[in-house]
Amino acid sequence: MRLRSRSGKASFREPSAFPDAVRPDRIKLRPVTVLERAAIKKLVLDPGQEQFAGSVDAVFDGLQASRYPDQEHAFAIVVSKKTVGFFILREKQALPGWAPRGAVTLHSFRISSACQGKGFGRAGVDLAISWVRRNRPDVEQLMLAVNARNVPAKSLYLKAGFVDTGSIFRGAIGDQHILTFLRLQRDG
């Protein structure tokens, strides 16, 4: 990458694997409580995307009504103290019917429209994988259901290392492809 110094002379710097804002040391997960609904509502999505992630009110109503609140983990994706995204991980009795016992599932993943296309989605997925590896070392699968019409999200998940199981769940807004990330166990 070509840079200009204050003297006006050109210098070169090796490009980073991540844009500065998405460097792993700058993006974090922060647990979210049901009392933080208003903060997460600020993560505005395009109208066509909202149907796939679910409305924030519906997501938080579900969290508040959960029979298993200790098995549903809500997280904000935070960059330099700014919340750019949100998701939920579910386990044990809170798993959906399409997930096998012993898995953890990813739900309601959203990146604010203003922050899309900057690597935050991929970084958020990587952080979810890391959280499961670190906090649930016996879990072998992280799974999710992605709507067949949500091509950009499916592409993101596949690039992050998920694979399509070939199973389809018929959800409230259409067919959901079931994806799994099988490489949770660390080598060595």
Protein backbone atom coordinates (compact mmCIF):
# COMPACT_ATOMS: atom_id res chain seq x y z
CA MET A 1 0.00 0.00 0.00
CA ARG A 2 1.44 3.37 -0.98
CA LEU A 3 1.43 6.08 1.69
CA ARG A 4 2.67 9.65 1.70
CA SER A 5 4.78 10.81 4.61
CA ARG A 6 4.54 14.35 5.95
CA SER A 7 7.52 15.24 3.79
CA GLY A 8 5.51 14.19 0.73
CA LYS A 9 7.73 11.21 -0.09
CA ALA A 10 6.04 7.93 -0.91
CA SER A 11 6.53 4.99 1.40
CA PHE A 12 5.17 1.47 1.33
CA ARG A 13 3.36 -0.54 3.97
CA GLU A 14 2.30 -4.17 3.76
CA PRO A 15 -1.51 -4.36 3.68
CA SER A 16 -3.15 -5.91 6.72
CA ALA A 17 -5.21 -9.09 6.43
CA PHE A 18 -8.07 -7.12 8.02
CA PRO A 19 -9.21 -3.56 7.46
CA ASP A 20 -8.16 -1.53 10.52
CA ALA A 21 -11.67 -1.52 11.99
CA VAL A 22 -11.98 -5.32 11.71
CA ARG A 23 -8.62 -6.30 13.15
CA PRO A 24 -9.28 -9.06 15.71
CA ASP A 25 -7.90 -6.93 18.54
CA ARG A 26 -10.49 -4.21 17.79
CA ILE A 27 -13.66 -6.27 17.52
CA LYS A 28 -15.19 -7.90 20.58
CA LEU A 29 -18.27 -9.69 21.84
CA ARG A 30 -20.23 -8.21 24.70
CA PRO A 31 -23.02 -10.13 26.44
CA VAL A 32 -26.39 -8.41 26.06
CA THR A 33 -29.24 -8.55 28.57
CA VAL A 34 -32.94 -8.31 27.78
CA LEU A 35 -32.81 -4.77 29.20
CA GLU A 36 -30.69 -3.60 26.24
CA ARG A 37 -33.44 -3.83 23.63
CA ALA A 38 -33.25 -0.10 22.79
CA ALA A 39 -29.52 -0.26 22.07
CA ILE A 40 -29.92 -3.24 19.73
CA LYS A 41 -32.89 -1.56 17.99
CA LYS A 42 -30.40 1.02 16.73
CA LEU A 43 -28.93 -1.70 14.48
CA VAL A 44 -31.13 -0.81 11.53
CA LEU A 45 -31.41 -3.30 8.69
CA ASP A 46 -32.73 -2.82 5.19
CA PRO A 47 -36.42 -3.78 5.11
CA GLY A 48 -35.67 -6.87 3.01
CA GLN A 49 -33.18 -8.13 5.61
CA GLU A 50 -35.30 -7.58 8.71
CA GLN A 51 -37.56 -10.50 7.78
CA PHE A 52 -34.61 -12.90 7.95
CA ALA A 53 -33.12 -11.73 11.27
CA GLY A 54 -36.46 -11.09 12.93
CA SER A 55 -37.58 -7.81 14.43
CA VAL A 56 -35.62 -6.76 17.49
CA ASP A 57 -38.84 -6.58 19.49
CA ALA A 58 -39.78 -10.16 18.56
CA VAL A 59 -36.26 -11.38 19.35
CA PHE A 60 -36.20 -9.68 22.77
CA ASP A 61 -39.77 -10.74 23.56
CA GLY A 62 -38.62 -14.30 22.88
CA LEU A 63 -35.60 -13.89 25.14
CA GLN A 64 -37.76 -12.46 27.94
CA ALA A 65 -40.29 -15.29 27.64
CA SER A 66 -37.65 -18.02 27.37
CA ARG A 67 -38.14 -21.10 29.54
CA TYR A 68 -34.35 -21.55 29.41
CA PRO A 69 -32.75 -18.09 29.77
CA ASP A 70 -29.43 -19.55 30.94
CA GLN A 71 -29.21 -21.51 27.65
CA GLU A 72 -29.76 -18.53 25.33
CA HIS A 73 -26.77 -16.22 25.05
CA ALA A 74 -27.25 -12.83 23.39
CA PHE A 75 -24.19 -10.90 22.20
CA ALA A 76 -23.40 -7.52 20.71
CA ILE A 77 -20.58 -7.28 18.19
CA VAL A 78 -18.62 -4.21 19.26
CA VAL A 79 -15.93 -2.26 17.41
CA SER A 80 -14.18 0.55 19.27
CA LYS A 81 -17.08 0.80 21.75
CA LYS A 82 -19.65 1.00 18.91
CA THR A 83 -22.20 -1.80 18.56
CA VAL A 84 -22.29 -2.93 14.92
CA GLY A 85 -24.06 -6.29 15.23
CA PHE A 86 -25.96 -8.80 17.32
CA PHE A 87 -26.66 -12.53 17.54
CA ILE A 88 -27.90 -15.25 19.89
CA LEU A 89 -26.38 -18.66 20.64
CA ARG A 90 -28.70 -21.40 21.93
CA GLU A 91 -27.87 -24.70 23.56
CA LYS A 92 -29.35 -27.70 25.39
CA GLN A 93 -33.14 -27.40 25.92
CA ALA A 94 -33.22 -24.06 24.07
CA LEU A 95 -32.15 -25.71 20.79
CA PRO A 96 -34.60 -25.64 17.88
CA GLY A 97 -36.16 -28.92 16.79
CA TRP A 98 -33.91 -29.21 13.71
CA ALA A 99 -30.67 -29.24 15.75
CA PRO A 100 -29.20 -32.42 17.24
CA ARG A 101 -28.47 -32.69 20.96
CA GLY A 102 -25.03 -31.44 21.86
CA ALA A 103 -24.94 -28.71 19.19
CA VAL A 104 -25.03 -24.95 19.68
CA THR A 105 -27.12 -22.90 17.24
CA LEU A 106 -26.69 -19.36 15.93
CA HIS A 107 -29.79 -17.12 15.60
CA SER A 108 -30.92 -13.58 14.75
CA PHE A 109 -27.54 -12.59 13.32
CA ARG A 110 -27.56 -8.99 12.17
CA ILE A 111 -25.05 -6.34 11.16
CA SER A 112 -26.33 -2.76 10.96
CA SER A 113 -26.86 -1.68 7.34
CA ALA A 114 -24.41 1.19 7.79
CA CYS A 115 -21.71 -1.31 8.80
CA GLN A 116 -22.28 -3.98 6.15
CA GLY A 117 -19.64 -4.75 3.55
CA LYS A 118 -16.79 -3.87 5.91
CA GLY A 119 -15.93 -7.33 7.24
CA PHE A 120 -17.95 -7.08 10.46
CA GLY A 121 -20.26 -9.95 9.52
CA ARG A 122 -17.39 -12.35 8.94
CA ALA A 123 -15.64 -11.15 12.10
CA GLY A 124 -18.87 -11.63 14.09
CA VAL A 125 -19.26 -15.19 12.81
CA ASP A 126 -15.62 -15.89 13.71
CA LEU A 127 -16.23 -14.51 17.21
CA ALA A 128 -19.28 -16.79 17.63
CA ILE A 129 -17.14 -19.79 16.62
CA SER A 130 -14.40 -18.71 19.04
CA TRP A 131 -16.89 -18.27 21.88
CA VAL A 132 -18.22 -21.81 21.40
CA ARG A 133 -14.67 -23.23 21.21
CA ARG A 134 -13.62 -21.44 24.39
CA ASN A 135 -16.79 -21.82 26.47
CA ARG A 136 -18.24 -25.12 25.23
CA PRO A 137 -15.18 -27.29 24.45
CA ASP A 138 -17.26 -30.48 24.27
CA VAL A 139 -19.58 -29.13 21.57
CA GLU A 140 -18.77 -30.52 18.15
CA GLN A 141 -21.16 -28.52 15.96
CA LEU A 142 -22.24 -24.92 15.61
CA MET A 143 -25.35 -24.86 13.42
CA LEU A 144 -27.74 -22.35 11.90
CA ALA A 145 -30.73 -22.14 9.61
CA VAL A 146 -30.54 -19.60 6.78
CA ASN A 147 -33.49 -18.71 4.58
CA ALA A 148 -33.13 -19.97 1.00
CA ARG A 149 -33.84 -16.42 -0.25
CA ASN A 150 -31.09 -14.89 1.93
CA VAL A 151 -28.28 -15.51 -0.55
CA PRO A 152 -25.81 -12.93 0.90
CA ALA A 153 -26.07 -14.45 4.40
CA LYS A 154 -25.65 -18.01 3.13
CA SER A 155 -22.59 -16.91 1.15
CA LEU A 156 -21.09 -15.30 4.29
CA TYR A 157 -21.62 -18.46 6.34
CA LEU A 158 -20.14 -20.72 3.66
CA LYS A 159 -17.07 -18.47 3.34
CA ALA A 160 -16.67 -18.66 7.13
CA GLY A 161 -16.42 -22.45 6.94
CA PHE A 162 -19.99 -23.64 7.42
CA VAL A 163 -21.24 -26.41 5.14
CA ASP A 164 -24.77 -27.06 3.91
CA THR A 165 -26.07 -30.28 5.46
CA GLY A 166 -28.61 -30.71 2.65
CA SER A 167 -31.43 -30.61 5.19
CA ILE A 168 -34.21 -28.09 4.78
CA PHE A 169 -36.47 -26.85 7.56
CA ARG A 170 -39.77 -25.28 6.53
CA GLY A 171 -39.87 -22.09 8.57
CA ALA A 172 -42.49 -19.40 9.00
CA ILE A 173 -41.05 -17.33 6.12
CA GLY A 174 -39.96 -20.16 3.83
CA ASP A 175 -37.40 -22.88 3.43
CA GLN A 176 -34.35 -22.72 5.70
CA HIS A 177 -31.10 -24.43 4.74
CA ILE A 178 -29.42 -26.06 7.72
CA LEU A 179 -25.69 -25.29 7.86
CA THR A 180 -23.09 -26.66 10.24
CA PHE A 181 -19.58 -25.77 11.27
CA LEU A 182 -17.88 -29.04 12.15
CA ARG A 183 -14.31 -27.86 12.84
CA LEU A 184 -14.93 -26.64 16.37
CA GLN A 185 -12.37 -28.92 17.97
CA ARG A 186 -8.93 -27.35 17.93
CA ASP A 187 -6.04 -29.31 16.46
CA GLY A 188 -3.42 -30.45 18.94
